Amino acid sequence: GVDDRAFVPQDKFRDLEHPQGKGRRPLEIIPGVDTQPFVSPDKFRNLDHIPTLMKPEDIPLEASRPPRVIVPLSNCELEELMPVILTTTIDAGVPMATVRIFLAVTRTISGCTQ
């Protein structure tokens, strides 16, 4: 069977709500919406207010443009097992795009291209 007894006896809750030696705490219930602020607005008037330079809607948006290559990769001749550093300059555009570079690699052995 299921134990229907409470985990905490009811009299313990009464002791929490009404501590010994203290009367009931009055609670005024006022219907409606609470319009009282937690802090008086007068306290905020004394703070230094810095005006914003531009509102977010006033900031001009940059026109969209696709990515473009500014300095392309250049061809180079390498020997086997020779390290290489490939450098290029790419303007990623607006909004910033993800740019992937695919290389067409050819291998020359004894004058033949494979």
C-alpha atoms as a PDB file:
ATOM      1  CA  GLY A   1       0.000   0.000   0.000  1.00  0.00           C
ATOM      2  CA  VAL A   2       0.887   3.633  -0.318  1.00  0.00           C
ATOM      3  CA  ASP A   3       1.818   5.557   2.837  1.00  0.00           C
ATOM      4  CA  ASP A   4      -0.530   8.580   2.913  1.00  0.00           C
ATOM      5  CA  ARG A   5       1.147  10.193   5.908  1.00  0.00           C
ATOM      6  CA  ALA A   6       2.845  13.564   5.352  1.00  0.00           C
ATOM      7  CA  PHE A   7       6.623  13.701   5.492  1.00  0.00           C
ATOM      8  CA  VAL A   8       6.477  16.711   7.807  1.00  0.00           C
ATOM      9  CA  PRO A   9       3.749  16.889  10.467  1.00  0.00           C
ATOM     10  CA  GLN A  10       1.208  19.716  10.051  1.00  0.00           C
ATOM     11  CA  ASP A  11       2.106  21.314  13.418  1.00  0.00           C
ATOM     12  CA  LYS A  12       5.666  21.929  12.176  1.00  0.00           C
ATOM     13  CA  PHE A  13       4.288  24.077   9.338  1.00  0.00           C
ATOM     14  CA  ARG A  14       2.206  26.054  11.841  1.00  0.00           C
ATOM     15  CA  ASP A  15       5.387  26.763  13.839  1.00  0.00           C
ATOM     16  CA  LEU A  16       7.074  28.087  10.703  1.00  0.00           C
ATOM     17  CA  GLU A  17       4.153  30.335   9.781  1.00  0.00           C
ATOM     18  CA  HIS A  18       3.617  31.627  13.330  1.00  0.00           C
ATOM     19  CA  PRO A  19       6.862  31.496  15.351  1.00  0.00           C
ATOM     20  CA  GLN A  20       6.453  31.214  19.117  1.00  0.00           C
ATOM     21  CA  GLY A  21       6.145  34.541  20.889  1.00  0.00           C
ATOM     22  CA  LYS A  22       5.161  36.375  17.733  1.00  0.00           C
ATOM     23  CA  GLY A  23       1.692  37.076  16.486  1.00  0.00           C
ATOM     24  CA  ARG A  24       0.410  36.496  13.015  1.00  0.00           C
ATOM     25  CA  ARG A  25       2.014  38.655  10.401  1.00  0.00           C
ATOM     26  CA  PRO A  26      -0.617  40.870   8.798  1.00  0.00           C
ATOM     27  CA  LEU A  27      -0.932  40.539   5.076  1.00  0.00           C
ATOM     28  CA  GLU A  28      -2.858  43.100   3.110  1.00  0.00           C
ATOM     29  CA  ILE A  29      -4.189  41.761  -0.129  1.00  0.00           C
ATOM     30  CA  ILE A  30      -4.921  44.547  -2.573  1.00  0.00           C
ATOM     31  CA  PRO A  31      -6.447  43.384  -5.828  1.00  0.00           C
ATOM     32  CA  GLY A  32      -5.056  44.677  -9.108  1.00  0.00           C
ATOM     33  CA  VAL A  33      -1.632  45.269 -10.575  1.00  0.00           C
ATOM     34  CA  ASP A  34       1.276  46.316  -8.380  1.00  0.00           C
ATOM     35  CA  THR A  35       2.419  49.690  -9.709  1.00  0.00           C
ATOM     36  CA  GLN A  36       4.801  50.540  -6.885  1.00  0.00           C
ATOM     37  CA  PRO A  37       8.447  50.385  -8.025  1.00  0.00           C
ATOM     38  CA  PHE A  38      10.952  48.643  -5.807  1.00  0.00           C
ATOM     39  CA  VAL A  39      13.210  51.707  -5.847  1.00  0.00           C
ATOM     40  CA  SER A  40      11.992  55.267  -6.048  1.00  0.00           C
ATOM     41  CA  PRO A  41      12.786  56.860  -9.449  1.00  0.00           C
ATOM     42  CA  ASP A  42      13.991  59.967  -7.576  1.00  0.00           C
ATOM     43  CA  LYS A  43      17.072  58.028  -6.472  1.00  0.00           C
ATOM     44  CA  PHE A  44      18.018  57.431 -10.112  1.00  0.00           C
ATOM     45  CA  ARG A  45      17.803  61.107 -11.043  1.00  0.00           C
ATOM     46  CA  ASN A  46      20.982  61.825  -9.064  1.00  0.00           C
ATOM     47  CA  LEU A  47      23.035  59.380 -11.136  1.00  0.00           C
ATOM     48  CA  ASP A  48      25.176  60.582 -14.021  1.00  0.00           C
ATOM     49  CA  HIS A  49      23.331  60.002 -17.253  1.00  0.00           C
ATOM     50  CA  ILE A  50      25.405  59.830 -20.425  1.00  0.00           C
ATOM     51  CA  PRO A  51      23.352  60.409 -23.556  1.00  0.00           C
ATOM     52  CA  THR A  52      23.718  57.731 -26.192  1.00  0.00           C
ATOM     53  CA  LEU A  53      25.547  58.829 -29.318  1.00  0.00           C
ATOM     54  CA  MET A  54      23.368  56.970 -31.781  1.00  0.00           C
ATOM     55  CA  LYS A  55      20.233  54.963 -31.341  1.00  0.00           C
ATOM     56  CA  PRO A  56      20.501  51.425 -32.727  1.00  0.00           C
ATOM     57  CA  GLU A  57      17.966  52.175 -35.461  1.00  0.00           C
ATOM     58  CA  ASP A  58      20.029  55.223 -36.557  1.00  0.00           C
ATOM     59  CA  ILE A  59      23.190  53.188 -37.231  1.00  0.00           C
ATOM     60  CA  PRO A  60      23.517  52.835 -40.995  1.00  0.00           C
ATOM     61  CA  LEU A  61      23.749  49.231 -42.142  1.00  0.00           C
ATOM     62  CA  GLU A  62      26.511  48.330 -44.563  1.00  0.00           C
ATOM     63  CA  ALA A  63      25.250  47.081 -47.902  1.00  0.00           C
ATOM     64  CA  SER A  64      25.567  43.335 -48.486  1.00  0.00           C
ATOM     65  CA  ARG A  65      28.435  42.272 -50.721  1.00  0.00           C
ATOM     66  CA  PRO A  66      29.843  38.866 -51.661  1.00  0.00           C
ATOM     67  CA  PRO A  67      33.323  37.653 -50.697  1.00  0.00           C
ATOM     68  CA  ARG A  68      36.151  38.558 -53.065  1.00  0.00           C
ATOM     69  CA  VAL A  69      39.795  37.629 -53.515  1.00  0.00           C
ATOM     70  CA  ILE A  70      42.136  40.581 -53.010  1.00  0.00           C
ATOM     71  CA  VAL A  71      45.479  38.759 -53.380  1.00  0.00           C
ATOM     72  CA  PRO A  72      45.127  35.357 -55.130  1.00  0.00           C
ATOM     73  CA  LEU A  73      47.269  32.285 -54.560  1.00  0.00           C
ATOM     74  CA  SER A  74      50.246  32.085 -56.888  1.00  0.00           C
ATOM     75  CA  ASN A  75      51.676  29.040 -58.648  1.00  0.00           C
ATOM     76  CA  CYS A  76      54.959  27.671 -57.359  1.00  0.00           C
ATOM     77  CA  GLU A  77      57.259  24.768 -58.143  1.00  0.00           C
ATOM     78  CA  LEU A  78      58.118  22.490 -55.255  1.00  0.00           C
ATOM     79  CA  GLU A  79      60.240  19.471 -54.623  1.00  0.00           C
ATOM     80  CA  GLU A  80      58.925  16.352 -52.928  1.00  0.00           C
ATOM     81  CA  LEU A  81      58.535  16.638 -49.120  1.00  0.00           C
ATOM     82  CA  MET A  82      59.215  20.371 -49.323  1.00  0.00           C
ATOM     83  CA  PRO A  83      57.052  22.383 -46.909  1.00  0.00           C
ATOM     84  CA  VAL A  84      54.867  25.056 -48.445  1.00  0.00           C
ATOM     85  CA  ILE A  85      52.969  28.028 -47.050  1.00  0.00           C
ATOM     86  CA  LEU A  86      50.005  29.173 -49.092  1.00  0.00           C
ATOM     87  CA  THR A  87      48.960  32.778 -48.531  1.00  0.00           C
ATOM     88  CA  THR A  88      46.071  34.755 -49.907  1.00  0.00           C
ATOM     89  CA  THR A  89      44.009  37.759 -48.885  1.00  0.00           C
ATOM     90  CA  ILE A  90      40.226  37.463 -49.011  1.00  0.00           C
ATOM     91  CA  ASP A  91      37.570  40.018 -48.155  1.00  0.00           C
ATOM     92  CA  ALA A  92      34.871  37.847 -46.545  1.00  0.00           C
ATOM     93  CA  GLY A  93      32.075  40.255 -47.516  1.00  0.00           C
ATOM     94  CA  VAL A  94      29.050  41.491 -45.588  1.00  0.00           C
ATOM     95  CA  PRO A  95      27.666  39.612 -43.765  1.00  0.00           C
ATOM     96  CA  MET A  96      30.906  37.709 -43.173  1.00  0.00           C
ATOM     97  CA  ALA A  97      30.948  34.496 -45.170  1.00  0.00           C
ATOM     98  CA  THR A  98      32.769  31.230 -44.653  1.00  0.00           C
ATOM     99  CA  VAL A  99      35.405  30.894 -47.366  1.00  0.00           C
ATOM    100  CA  ARG A 100      36.788  27.505 -48.455  1.00  0.00           C
ATOM    101  CA  ILE A 101      39.714  27.079 -50.806  1.00  0.00           C
ATOM    102  CA  PHE A 102      40.022  23.970 -52.971  1.00  0.00           C
ATOM    103  CA  LEU A 103      43.398  23.321 -54.608  1.00  0.00           C
ATOM    104  CA  ALA A 104      43.937  21.486 -57.877  1.00  0.00           C
ATOM    105  CA  VAL A 105      47.222  19.700 -57.220  1.00  0.00           C
ATOM    106  CA  THR A 106      49.194  18.094 -60.051  1.00  0.00           C
ATOM    107  CA  ARG A 107      52.243  15.944 -59.654  1.00  0.00           C
ATOM    108  CA  THR A 108      55.002  15.890 -62.264  1.00  0.00           C
ATOM    109  CA  ILE A 109      57.171  12.772 -62.399  1.00  0.00           C
ATOM    110  CA  SER A 110      59.910  12.444 -65.056  1.00  0.00           C
ATOM    111  CA  GLY A 111      58.349  15.177 -67.154  1.00  0.00           C
ATOM    112  CA  CYS A 112      54.853  13.577 -67.230  1.00  0.00           C
ATOM    113  CA  THR A 113      51.856  15.150 -65.590  1.00  0.00           C
ATOM    114  CA  GLN A 114      49.593  12.742 -63.748  1.00  0.00           C
END
